[in-house]
Amino acid sequence: MLQVIGNQSAKSWAEQNGLPVQTVHEWIKHDRKPRGANFQLLIQTTGIAKEWWTSDSGQPPPPSAPPVQAERLTSNLQINKGLLHHCMEACRHIYGAEFSSSLEQIQIGYAVDCYNVLIGMIQDNPTGLRNLAHLTREDIVQLMKISIKLGKLHSFSTSYDYAVK
């Protein structure tokens, strides 16, 4: 990731490319592999193939397709609002009162991470989003608990910095 960003700050690079600042921060600080809707956005905005992003290869290859303007991408991005709502409710259930009383942008960050994990589970399945639509909040709670145990999601912490400075 740092090879692609170069000398730019992660925040300015994320904003310039239409990516959530907190997500880019997680990719860099916690050496997380991109996934879900933000991963697709990353591939499209940089023009760098999925294979490079998921490997530990050296220098990034030249773009396989010309980078796409972030404004055009974000206008076409489809978010399943019902699924995102279920993710927020599941976060409130799992993380409790401390989560519910935290800053709204922190709550949104955790809910979006949950959403991205779920989208990552079905990204190669054309009917996957329809299948996710049948999940209840309780189903998502169970998937989140498993994802936390597997390290794909964080346990809640007030020191976990989703606040955009």
N, C-alpha and C. Protein backbone atom coordinates (compact mmCIF):
# COMPACT_ATOMS: atom_id res chain seq x y z
N MET A 1 0.83 -1.19 0.00
CA MET A 1 0.00 0.00 0.00
C MET A 1 0.87 1.25 0.00
N LEU A 2 1.88 1.27 0.87
CA LEU A 2 2.74 2.46 0.95
C LEU A 2 3.48 2.71 -0.35
N GLN A 3 3.76 1.65 -1.11
CA GLN A 3 4.43 1.82 -2.39
C GLN A 3 3.53 2.55 -3.38
N VAL A 4 2.25 2.35 -3.27
CA VAL A 4 1.30 3.00 -4.17
C VAL A 4 1.06 4.44 -3.75
N ILE A 5 0.97 4.67 -2.45
CA ILE A 5 0.70 6.01 -1.93
C ILE A 5 1.89 6.94 -2.15
N GLY A 6 3.10 6.40 -2.03
CA GLY A 6 4.30 7.22 -2.21
C GLY A 6 4.49 8.17 -1.04
N ASN A 7 4.83 9.42 -1.34
CA ASN A 7 5.12 10.42 -0.31
C ASN A 7 3.87 11.11 0.23
N GLN A 8 2.72 10.81 -0.33
CA GLN A 8 1.47 11.43 0.10
C GLN A 8 1.04 10.86 1.45
N SER A 9 0.30 11.65 2.22
CA SER A 9 -0.25 11.11 3.47
C SER A 9 -1.37 10.14 3.12
N ALA A 10 -1.56 9.15 3.98
CA ALA A 10 -2.63 8.17 3.76
C ALA A 10 -3.99 8.85 3.67
N LYS A 11 -4.19 9.86 4.52
CA LYS A 11 -5.47 10.57 4.54
C LYS A 11 -5.72 11.29 3.22
N SER A 12 -4.75 12.04 2.74
CA SER A 12 -4.98 12.78 1.49
C SER A 12 -5.12 11.83 0.31
N TRP A 13 -4.33 10.72 0.31
CA TRP A 13 -4.44 9.76 -0.78
C TRP A 13 -5.82 9.11 -0.78
N ALA A 14 -6.31 8.74 0.41
CA ALA A 14 -7.64 8.12 0.51
C ALA A 14 -8.72 9.08 0.02
N GLU A 15 -8.66 10.32 0.48
CA GLU A 15 -9.67 11.31 0.07
C GLU A 15 -9.61 11.56 -1.44
N GLN A 16 -8.41 11.66 -1.97
CA GLN A 16 -8.23 11.90 -3.41
C GLN A 16 -8.79 10.75 -4.24
N ASN A 17 -8.72 9.53 -3.70
CA ASN A 17 -9.16 8.35 -4.44
C ASN A 17 -10.54 7.86 -4.05
N GLY A 18 -11.24 8.62 -3.21
CA GLY A 18 -12.61 8.27 -2.85
C GLY A 18 -12.73 7.06 -1.94
N LEU A 19 -11.68 6.78 -1.17
CA LEU A 19 -11.69 5.65 -0.24
C LEU A 19 -11.85 6.16 1.19
N PRO A 20 -12.51 5.40 2.06
CA PRO A 20 -12.65 5.82 3.46
C PRO A 20 -11.28 5.92 4.13
N VAL A 21 -11.01 7.04 4.76
CA VAL A 21 -9.72 7.27 5.40
C VAL A 21 -9.44 6.19 6.44
N GLN A 22 -10.43 5.84 7.26
CA GLN A 22 -10.21 4.84 8.30
C GLN A 22 -9.86 3.48 7.73
N THR A 23 -10.41 3.15 6.57
CA THR A 23 -10.12 1.86 5.94
C THR A 23 -8.68 1.82 5.46
N VAL A 24 -8.24 2.88 4.79
CA VAL A 24 -6.85 2.94 4.32
C VAL A 24 -5.90 2.90 5.52
N HIS A 25 -6.27 3.59 6.58
CA HIS A 25 -5.47 3.58 7.81
C HIS A 25 -5.32 2.14 8.32
N GLU A 26 -6.40 1.38 8.32
CA GLU A 26 -6.36 -0.02 8.78
C GLU A 26 -5.48 -0.87 7.87
N TRP A 27 -5.58 -0.66 6.57
CA TRP A 27 -4.76 -1.43 5.63
C TRP A 27 -3.28 -1.22 5.93
N ILE A 28 -2.93 0.02 6.24
CA ILE A 28 -1.52 0.34 6.47
C ILE A 28 -1.09 -0.03 7.89
N LYS A 29 -1.78 0.50 8.89
CA LYS A 29 -1.35 0.35 10.28
C LYS A 29 -1.39 -1.11 10.74
N HIS A 30 -2.42 -1.84 10.35
CA HIS A 30 -2.59 -3.22 10.82
C HIS A 30 -2.27 -4.24 9.74
N ASP A 31 -1.65 -3.76 8.64
CA ASP A 31 -1.24 -4.63 7.54
C ASP A 31 -2.36 -5.57 7.09
N ARG A 32 -3.56 -5.00 6.97
CA ARG A 32 -4.73 -5.79 6.56
C ARG A 32 -4.82 -5.81 5.04
N LYS A 33 -5.29 -6.92 4.52
CA LYS A 33 -5.50 -7.04 3.08
C LYS A 33 -6.85 -6.40 2.74
N PRO A 34 -6.90 -5.62 1.68
CA PRO A 34 -8.19 -5.03 1.27
C PRO A 34 -9.20 -6.12 0.92
N ARG A 35 -10.51 -5.81 1.15
CA ARG A 35 -11.58 -6.74 0.81
C ARG A 35 -12.88 -5.98 0.65
N GLY A 36 -13.87 -6.67 0.12
CA GLY A 36 -15.21 -6.12 0.01
C GLY A 36 -15.32 -4.99 -1.01
N ALA A 37 -16.32 -4.15 -0.78
CA ALA A 37 -16.62 -3.05 -1.71
C ALA A 37 -15.46 -2.08 -1.81
N ASN A 38 -14.77 -1.81 -0.70
CA ASN A 38 -13.63 -0.90 -0.75
C ASN A 38 -12.48 -1.49 -1.54
N PHE A 39 -12.34 -2.81 -1.53
CA PHE A 39 -11.30 -3.47 -2.32
C PHE A 39 -11.59 -3.26 -3.81
N GLN A 40 -12.84 -3.44 -4.20
CA GLN A 40 -13.20 -3.22 -5.60
C GLN A 40 -12.94 -1.77 -6.00
N LEU A 41 -13.26 -0.85 -5.12
CA LEU A 41 -13.01 0.56 -5.38
C LEU A 41 -11.52 0.82 -5.50
N LEU A 42 -10.71 0.21 -4.67
CA LEU A 42 -9.25 0.35 -4.72
C LEU A 42 -8.71 -0.13 -6.07
N ILE A 43 -9.16 -1.29 -6.51
CA ILE A 43 -8.72 -1.84 -7.79
C ILE A 43 -9.10 -0.89 -8.93
N GLN A 44 -10.33 -0.40 -8.89
CA GLN A 44 -10.81 0.45 -9.97
C GLN A 44 -10.14 1.82 -9.98
N THR A 45 -9.89 2.39 -8.81
CA THR A 45 -9.30 3.73 -8.78
C THR A 45 -7.82 3.71 -9.12
N THR A 46 -7.11 2.62 -8.76
CA THR A 46 -5.68 2.57 -9.05
C THR A 46 -5.37 1.90 -10.37
N GLY A 47 -6.28 1.04 -10.84
CA GLY A 47 -6.01 0.28 -12.06
C GLY A 47 -5.04 -0.86 -11.84
N ILE A 48 -4.70 -1.15 -10.59
CA ILE A 48 -3.77 -2.24 -10.27
C ILE A 48 -4.59 -3.50 -10.00
N ALA A 49 -4.15 -4.60 -10.60
CA ALA A 49 -4.90 -5.86 -10.54
C ALA A 49 -5.05 -6.41 -9.13
N LYS A 50 -6.15 -7.14 -8.93
CA LYS A 50 -6.47 -7.78 -7.65
C LYS A 50 -5.33 -8.67 -7.17
N GLU A 51 -4.69 -9.38 -8.10
CA GLU A 51 -3.65 -10.33 -7.75
C GLU A 51 -2.48 -9.65 -7.02
N TRP A 52 -2.12 -8.45 -7.44
CA TRP A 52 -1.02 -7.76 -6.77
C TRP A 52 -1.41 -7.37 -5.35
N TRP A 53 -2.62 -6.87 -5.20
CA TRP A 53 -3.08 -6.42 -3.88
C TRP A 53 -3.14 -7.58 -2.89
N THR A 54 -3.44 -8.78 -3.36
CA THR A 54 -3.59 -9.92 -2.45
C THR A 54 -2.30 -10.70 -2.27
N SER A 55 -1.25 -10.33 -2.98
CA SER A 55 0.04 -11.01 -2.83
C SER A 55 0.98 -10.14 -2.01
N ASP A 56 2.15 -10.65 -1.76
CA ASP A 56 3.18 -9.88 -1.06
C ASP A 56 4.28 -9.49 -2.03
N SER A 57 3.90 -9.27 -3.29
CA SER A 57 4.86 -8.93 -4.32
C SER A 57 5.50 -7.58 -4.04
N GLY A 58 6.61 -7.34 -4.70
CA GLY A 58 7.35 -6.10 -4.53
C GLY A 58 6.64 -4.90 -5.12
N GLN A 59 7.28 -4.27 -6.08
CA GLN A 59 6.75 -3.05 -6.68
C GLN A 59 5.42 -3.32 -7.37
N PRO A 60 4.49 -2.37 -7.28
CA PRO A 60 3.21 -2.57 -7.98
C PRO A 60 3.43 -2.56 -9.49
N PRO A 61 2.68 -3.39 -10.19
CA PRO A 61 2.79 -3.42 -11.65
C PRO A 61 2.15 -2.17 -12.23
N PRO A 62 2.43 -1.89 -13.49
CA PRO A 62 1.71 -0.77 -14.12
C PRO A 62 0.22 -1.10 -14.14
N PRO A 63 -0.62 -0.08 -14.10
CA PRO A 63 -2.06 -0.34 -14.12
C PRO A 63 -2.47 -1.16 -15.33
N SER A 64 -3.34 -2.16 -15.09
CA SER A 64 -3.84 -2.98 -16.19
C SER A 64 -4.94 -2.26 -16.94
N ALA A 65 -5.53 -1.29 -16.30
CA ALA A 65 -6.56 -0.45 -16.92
C ALA A 65 -6.31 0.95 -16.41
N PRO A 66 -6.68 1.96 -17.19
CA PRO A 66 -6.45 3.31 -16.67
C PRO A 66 -7.24 3.54 -15.40
N PRO A 67 -6.64 4.21 -14.41
CA PRO A 67 -7.38 4.49 -13.17
C PRO A 67 -8.67 5.25 -13.46
N VAL A 68 -9.67 4.95 -12.69
CA VAL A 68 -10.99 5.56 -12.86
C VAL A 68 -11.12 6.72 -11.89
N GLN A 69 -11.76 7.78 -12.29
CA GLN A 69 -11.97 8.91 -11.41
C GLN A 69 -12.85 8.49 -10.24
N ALA A 70 -12.43 8.82 -9.03
CA ALA A 70 -13.15 8.42 -7.83
C ALA A 70 -14.58 8.95 -7.82
N GLU A 71 -14.80 10.15 -8.32
CA GLU A 71 -16.15 10.72 -8.30
C GLU A 71 -17.11 9.85 -9.10
N ARG A 72 -16.67 9.34 -10.25
CA ARG A 72 -17.51 8.52 -11.08
C ARG A 72 -17.80 7.18 -10.40
N LEU A 73 -16.80 6.62 -9.73
CA LEU A 73 -16.99 5.34 -9.06
C LEU A 73 -17.97 5.43 -7.90
N THR A 74 -17.79 6.42 -7.06
CA THR A 74 -18.63 6.49 -5.88
C THR A 74 -20.08 6.76 -6.24
N SER A 75 -20.32 7.40 -7.38
CA SER A 75 -21.71 7.63 -7.77
C SER A 75 -22.38 6.34 -8.22
N ASN A 76 -21.59 5.33 -8.66
CA ASN A 76 -22.15 4.06 -9.10
C ASN A 76 -22.14 2.99 -8.01
N LEU A 77 -21.52 3.27 -6.89
CA LEU A 77 -21.38 2.30 -5.83
C LEU A 77 -22.75 2.05 -5.19
N GLN A 78 -23.12 0.78 -5.12
CA GLN A 78 -24.41 0.41 -4.55
C GLN A 78 -24.19 -0.17 -3.16
N ILE A 79 -24.80 0.41 -2.16
CA ILE A 79 -24.73 -0.09 -0.79
C ILE A 79 -26.10 -0.68 -0.45
N ASN A 80 -26.10 -1.88 0.07
CA ASN A 80 -27.34 -2.50 0.51
C ASN A 80 -27.66 -1.93 1.89
N LYS A 81 -28.57 -0.97 1.93
CA LYS A 81 -28.86 -0.24 3.17
C LYS A 81 -29.42 -1.15 4.25
N GLY A 82 -30.24 -2.13 3.88
CA GLY A 82 -30.79 -3.06 4.86
C GLY A 82 -29.69 -3.88 5.52
N LEU A 83 -28.75 -4.35 4.72
CA LEU A 83 -27.63 -5.13 5.26
C LEU A 83 -26.75 -4.25 6.15
N LEU A 84 -26.49 -3.03 5.73
CA LEU A 84 -25.69 -2.11 6.55
C LEU A 84 -26.39 -1.82 7.88
N HIS A 85 -27.71 -1.66 7.82
CA HIS A 85 -28.49 -1.45 9.04
C HIS A 85 -28.37 -2.66 9.98
N HIS A 86 -28.48 -3.87 9.42
CA HIS A 86 -28.32 -5.08 10.23
C HIS A 86 -26.93 -5.13 10.85
N CYS A 87 -25.92 -4.69 10.11
CA CYS A 87 -24.55 -4.67 10.64
C CYS A 87 -24.46 -3.71 11.83
N MET A 88 -25.08 -2.54 11.70
CA MET A 88 -25.06 -1.58 12.79
C MET A 88 -25.77 -2.16 14.02
N GLU A 89 -26.91 -2.78 13.83
CA GLU A 89 -27.65 -3.39 14.94
C GLU A 89 -26.84 -4.52 15.57
N ALA A 90 -26.18 -5.30 14.75
CA ALA A 90 -25.35 -6.39 15.28
C ALA A 90 -24.19 -5.83 16.10
N CYS A 91 -23.58 -4.75 15.63
CA CYS A 91 -22.50 -4.10 16.39
C CYS A 91 -23.02 -3.62 17.74
N ARG A 92 -24.19 -3.00 17.74
CA ARG A 92 -24.77 -2.53 19.01
C ARG A 92 -25.01 -3.69 19.96
N HIS A 93 -25.48 -4.80 19.42
CA HIS A 93 -25.74 -5.98 20.24
C HIS A 93 -24.45 -6.56 20.81
N ILE A 94 -23.44 -6.72 19.98
CA ILE A 94 -22.18 -7.35 20.41
C ILE A 94 -21.36 -6.43 21.31
N TYR A 95 -21.23 -5.17 20.91
CA TYR A 95 -20.32 -4.26 21.62
C TYR A 95 -20.96 -3.52 22.78
N GLY A 96 -22.29 -3.49 22.84
CA GLY A 96 -23.00 -2.97 24.00
C GLY A 96 -23.08 -1.46 24.13
N ALA A 97 -23.33 -1.03 25.36
CA ALA A 97 -23.61 0.38 25.66
C ALA A 97 -22.43 1.29 25.35
N GLU A 98 -21.22 0.81 25.59
CA GLU A 98 -20.04 1.64 25.31
C GLU A 98 -19.98 1.98 23.82
N PHE A 99 -20.29 1.01 22.97
CA PHE A 99 -20.33 1.24 21.53
C PHE A 99 -21.45 2.23 21.19
N SER A 100 -22.63 1.99 21.72
CA SER A 100 -23.79 2.83 21.41
C SER A 100 -23.61 4.28 21.84
N SER A 101 -22.79 4.51 22.86
CA SER A 101 -22.57 5.87 23.33
C SER A 101 -21.31 6.51 22.72
N SER A 102 -20.62 5.78 21.85
CA SER A 102 -19.41 6.33 21.23
C SER A 102 -19.80 7.26 20.07
N LEU A 103 -18.80 7.95 19.54
CA LEU A 103 -19.05 8.86 18.41
C LEU A 103 -19.70 8.12 17.26
N GLU A 104 -20.61 8.81 16.58
CA GLU A 104 -21.32 8.20 15.46
C GLU A 104 -20.37 7.70 14.38
N GLN A 105 -19.32 8.46 14.09
CA GLN A 105 -18.41 8.03 13.03
C GLN A 105 -17.63 6.77 13.43
N ILE A 106 -17.41 6.57 14.72
CA ILE A 106 -16.78 5.33 15.17
C ILE A 106 -17.74 4.17 14.96
N GLN A 107 -19.02 4.38 15.32
CA GLN A 107 -20.03 3.34 15.12
C GLN A 107 -20.14 2.98 13.64
N ILE A 108 -20.18 3.99 12.80
CA ILE A 108 -20.30 3.75 11.36
C ILE A 108 -19.09 2.97 10.86
N GLY A 109 -17.91 3.32 11.35
CA GLY A 109 -16.70 2.61 10.93
C GLY A 109 -16.77 1.13 11.24
N TYR A 110 -17.22 0.79 12.43
CA TYR A 110 -17.35 -0.62 12.81
C TYR A 110 -18.42 -1.32 11.98
N ALA A 111 -19.55 -0.65 11.75
CA ALA A 111 -20.63 -1.25 10.95
C ALA A 111 -20.17 -1.47 9.51
N VAL A 112 -19.42 -0.53 8.97
CA VAL A 112 -18.91 -0.68 7.60
C VAL A 112 -17.91 -1.82 7.53
N ASP A 113 -17.07 -1.97 8.54
CA ASP A 113 -16.15 -3.11 8.55
C ASP A 113 -16.91 -4.42 8.53
N CYS A 114 -17.98 -4.51 9.32
CA CYS A 114 -18.83 -5.70 9.33
C CYS A 114 -19.40 -5.93 7.93
N TYR A 115 -19.94 -4.88 7.34
CA TYR A 115 -20.51 -4.95 6.00
C TYR A 115 -19.47 -5.46 5.00
N ASN A 116 -18.26 -4.90 5.07
CA ASN A 116 -17.21 -5.30 4.13
C ASN A 116 -16.80 -6.75 4.31
N VAL A 117 -16.79 -7.24 5.56
CA VAL A 117 -16.48 -8.64 5.79
C VAL A 117 -17.55 -9.51 5.13
N LEU A 118 -18.81 -9.15 5.30
CA LEU A 118 -19.89 -9.92 4.69
C LEU A 118 -19.81 -9.87 3.17
N ILE A 119 -19.56 -8.70 2.62
CA ILE A 119 -19.44 -8.57 1.16
C ILE A 119 -18.24 -9.38 0.67
N GLY A 120 -17.15 -9.37 1.45
CA GLY A 120 -15.97 -10.16 1.09
C GLY A 120 -16.26 -11.64 1.01
N MET A 121 -17.20 -12.10 1.84
CA MET A 121 -17.56 -13.52 1.84
C MET A 121 -18.24 -13.94 0.54
N ILE A 122 -18.88 -12.99 -0.12
CA ILE A 122 -19.68 -13.35 -1.30
C ILE A 122 -19.21 -12.67 -2.57
N GLN A 123 -18.07 -12.00 -2.54
CA GLN A 123 -17.66 -11.18 -3.68
C GLN A 123 -17.50 -11.95 -4.98
N ASP A 124 -17.19 -13.25 -4.92
CA ASP A 124 -17.04 -14.03 -6.14
C ASP A 124 -18.30 -14.81 -6.50
N ASN A 125 -19.40 -14.55 -5.80
CA ASN A 125 -20.65 -15.27 -6.01
C ASN A 125 -21.69 -14.30 -6.55
N PRO A 126 -22.12 -14.45 -7.81
CA PRO A 126 -23.06 -13.48 -8.39
C PRO A 126 -24.40 -13.39 -7.68
N THR A 127 -24.83 -14.43 -6.98
CA THR A 127 -26.10 -14.37 -6.25
C THR A 127 -25.90 -14.11 -4.77
N GLY A 128 -24.68 -13.85 -4.38
CA GLY A 128 -24.34 -13.71 -2.97
C GLY A 128 -25.09 -12.62 -2.25
N LEU A 129 -25.25 -11.44 -2.86
CA LEU A 129 -25.93 -10.34 -2.18
C LEU A 129 -27.39 -10.68 -1.91
N ARG A 130 -28.02 -11.39 -2.84
CA ARG A 130 -29.41 -11.83 -2.60
C ARG A 130 -29.46 -12.78 -1.41
N ASN A 131 -28.44 -13.66 -1.31
CA ASN A 131 -28.40 -14.60 -0.18
C ASN A 131 -28.19 -13.86 1.13
N LEU A 132 -27.36 -12.82 1.13
CA LEU A 132 -27.13 -12.05 2.36
C LEU A 132 -28.39 -11.32 2.80
N ALA A 133 -29.25 -10.97 1.86
CA ALA A 133 -30.47 -10.25 2.19
C ALA A 133 -31.39 -11.07 3.10
N HIS A 134 -31.23 -12.37 3.10
CA HIS A 134 -32.06 -13.25 3.93
C HIS A 134 -31.54 -13.39 5.36
N LEU A 135 -30.34 -12.85 5.61
CA LEU A 135 -29.78 -12.96 6.95
C LEU A 135 -30.51 -12.05 7.93
N THR A 136 -30.73 -12.54 9.11
CA THR A 136 -31.33 -11.73 10.17
C THR A 136 -30.21 -11.06 10.96
N ARG A 137 -30.59 -10.17 11.85
CA ARG A 137 -29.61 -9.54 12.73
C ARG A 137 -28.89 -10.60 13.55
N GLU A 138 -29.62 -11.60 14.00
CA GLU A 138 -29.01 -12.67 14.80
C GLU A 138 -27.99 -13.46 13.99
N ASP A 139 -28.28 -13.68 12.71
CA ASP A 139 -27.31 -14.36 11.84
C ASP A 139 -26.04 -13.53 11.72
N ILE A 140 -26.21 -12.23 11.55
CA ILE A 140 -25.06 -11.35 11.39
C ILE A 140 -24.28 -11.27 12.70
N VAL A 141 -24.97 -11.28 13.84
CA VAL A 141 -24.29 -11.31 15.14
C VAL A 141 -23.38 -12.54 15.21
N GLN A 142 -23.89 -13.69 14.81
CA GLN A 142 -23.09 -14.91 14.84
C GLN A 142 -21.89 -14.82 13.90
N LEU A 143 -22.11 -14.30 12.69
CA LEU A 143 -21.01 -14.14 11.74
C LEU A 143 -19.96 -13.15 12.26
N MET A 144 -20.43 -12.08 12.93
CA MET A 144 -19.48 -11.12 13.50
C MET A 144 -18.65 -11.75 14.60
N LYS A 145 -19.29 -12.54 15.47
CA LYS A 145 -18.55 -13.19 16.56
C LYS A 145 -17.45 -14.10 15.99
N ILE A 146 -17.79 -14.82 14.95
CA ILE A 146 -16.81 -15.70 14.30
C ILE A 146 -15.71 -14.86 13.66
N SER A 147 -16.09 -13.78 12.98
CA SER A 147 -15.11 -12.92 12.32
C SER A 147 -14.18 -12.26 13.33
N ILE A 148 -14.68 -11.92 14.51
CA ILE A 148 -13.82 -11.36 15.56
C ILE A 148 -12.82 -12.42 16.02
N LYS A 149 -13.30 -13.64 16.23
CA LYS A 149 -12.41 -14.72 16.65
C LYS A 149 -11.34 -15.01 15.60
N LEU A 150 -11.70 -14.88 14.33
CA LEU A 150 -10.75 -15.13 13.24
C LEU A 150 -9.85 -13.93 12.97
N GLY A 151 -10.11 -12.80 13.65
CA GLY A 151 -9.29 -11.61 13.45
C GLY A 151 -9.66 -10.77 12.25
N LYS A 152 -10.82 -11.05 11.65
CA LYS A 152 -11.27 -10.27 10.50
C LYS A 152 -11.97 -8.99 10.93
N LEU A 153 -12.47 -8.97 12.16
CA LEU A 153 -13.08 -7.79 12.75
C LEU A 153 -12.43 -7.54 14.10
N HIS A 154 -12.45 -6.28 14.52
CA HIS A 154 -11.89 -5.89 15.81
C HIS A 154 -12.92 -6.04 16.92
N SER A 155 -12.44 -6.33 18.10
CA SER A 155 -13.27 -6.15 19.28
C SER A 155 -13.39 -4.65 19.47
N PHE A 156 -14.44 -4.21 20.13
CA PHE A 156 -14.63 -2.76 20.29
C PHE A 156 -13.67 -2.21 21.32
N SER A 157 -13.13 -1.05 21.00
CA SER A 157 -12.24 -0.35 21.92
C SER A 157 -12.42 1.14 21.69
N THR A 158 -12.50 1.89 22.77
CA THR A 158 -12.64 3.34 22.62
C THR A 158 -11.34 3.95 22.10
N SER A 159 -10.23 3.25 22.20
CA SER A 159 -8.97 3.78 21.68
C SER A 159 -8.80 3.47 20.20
N TYR A 160 -9.66 2.64 19.66
CA TYR A 160 -9.60 2.31 18.24
C TYR A 160 -10.02 3.53 17.45
N ASP A 161 -9.12 4.08 16.68
CA ASP A 161 -9.29 5.42 16.13
C ASP A 161 -9.99 5.40 14.76
N TYR A 162 -11.30 5.63 14.78
CA TYR A 162 -12.01 5.84 13.53
C TYR A 162 -12.25 7.32 13.29
N ALA A 163 -11.91 8.14 14.24
CA ALA A 163 -12.16 9.57 14.09
C ALA A 163 -11.23 10.15 13.04
N VAL A 164 -11.81 10.87 12.09
CA VAL A 164 -11.03 11.53 11.05
C VAL A 164 -10.54 12.84 11.63
N LYS A 165 -9.25 13.00 11.65
CA LYS A 165 -8.68 14.20 12.26
C LYS A 165 -8.51 15.30 11.26
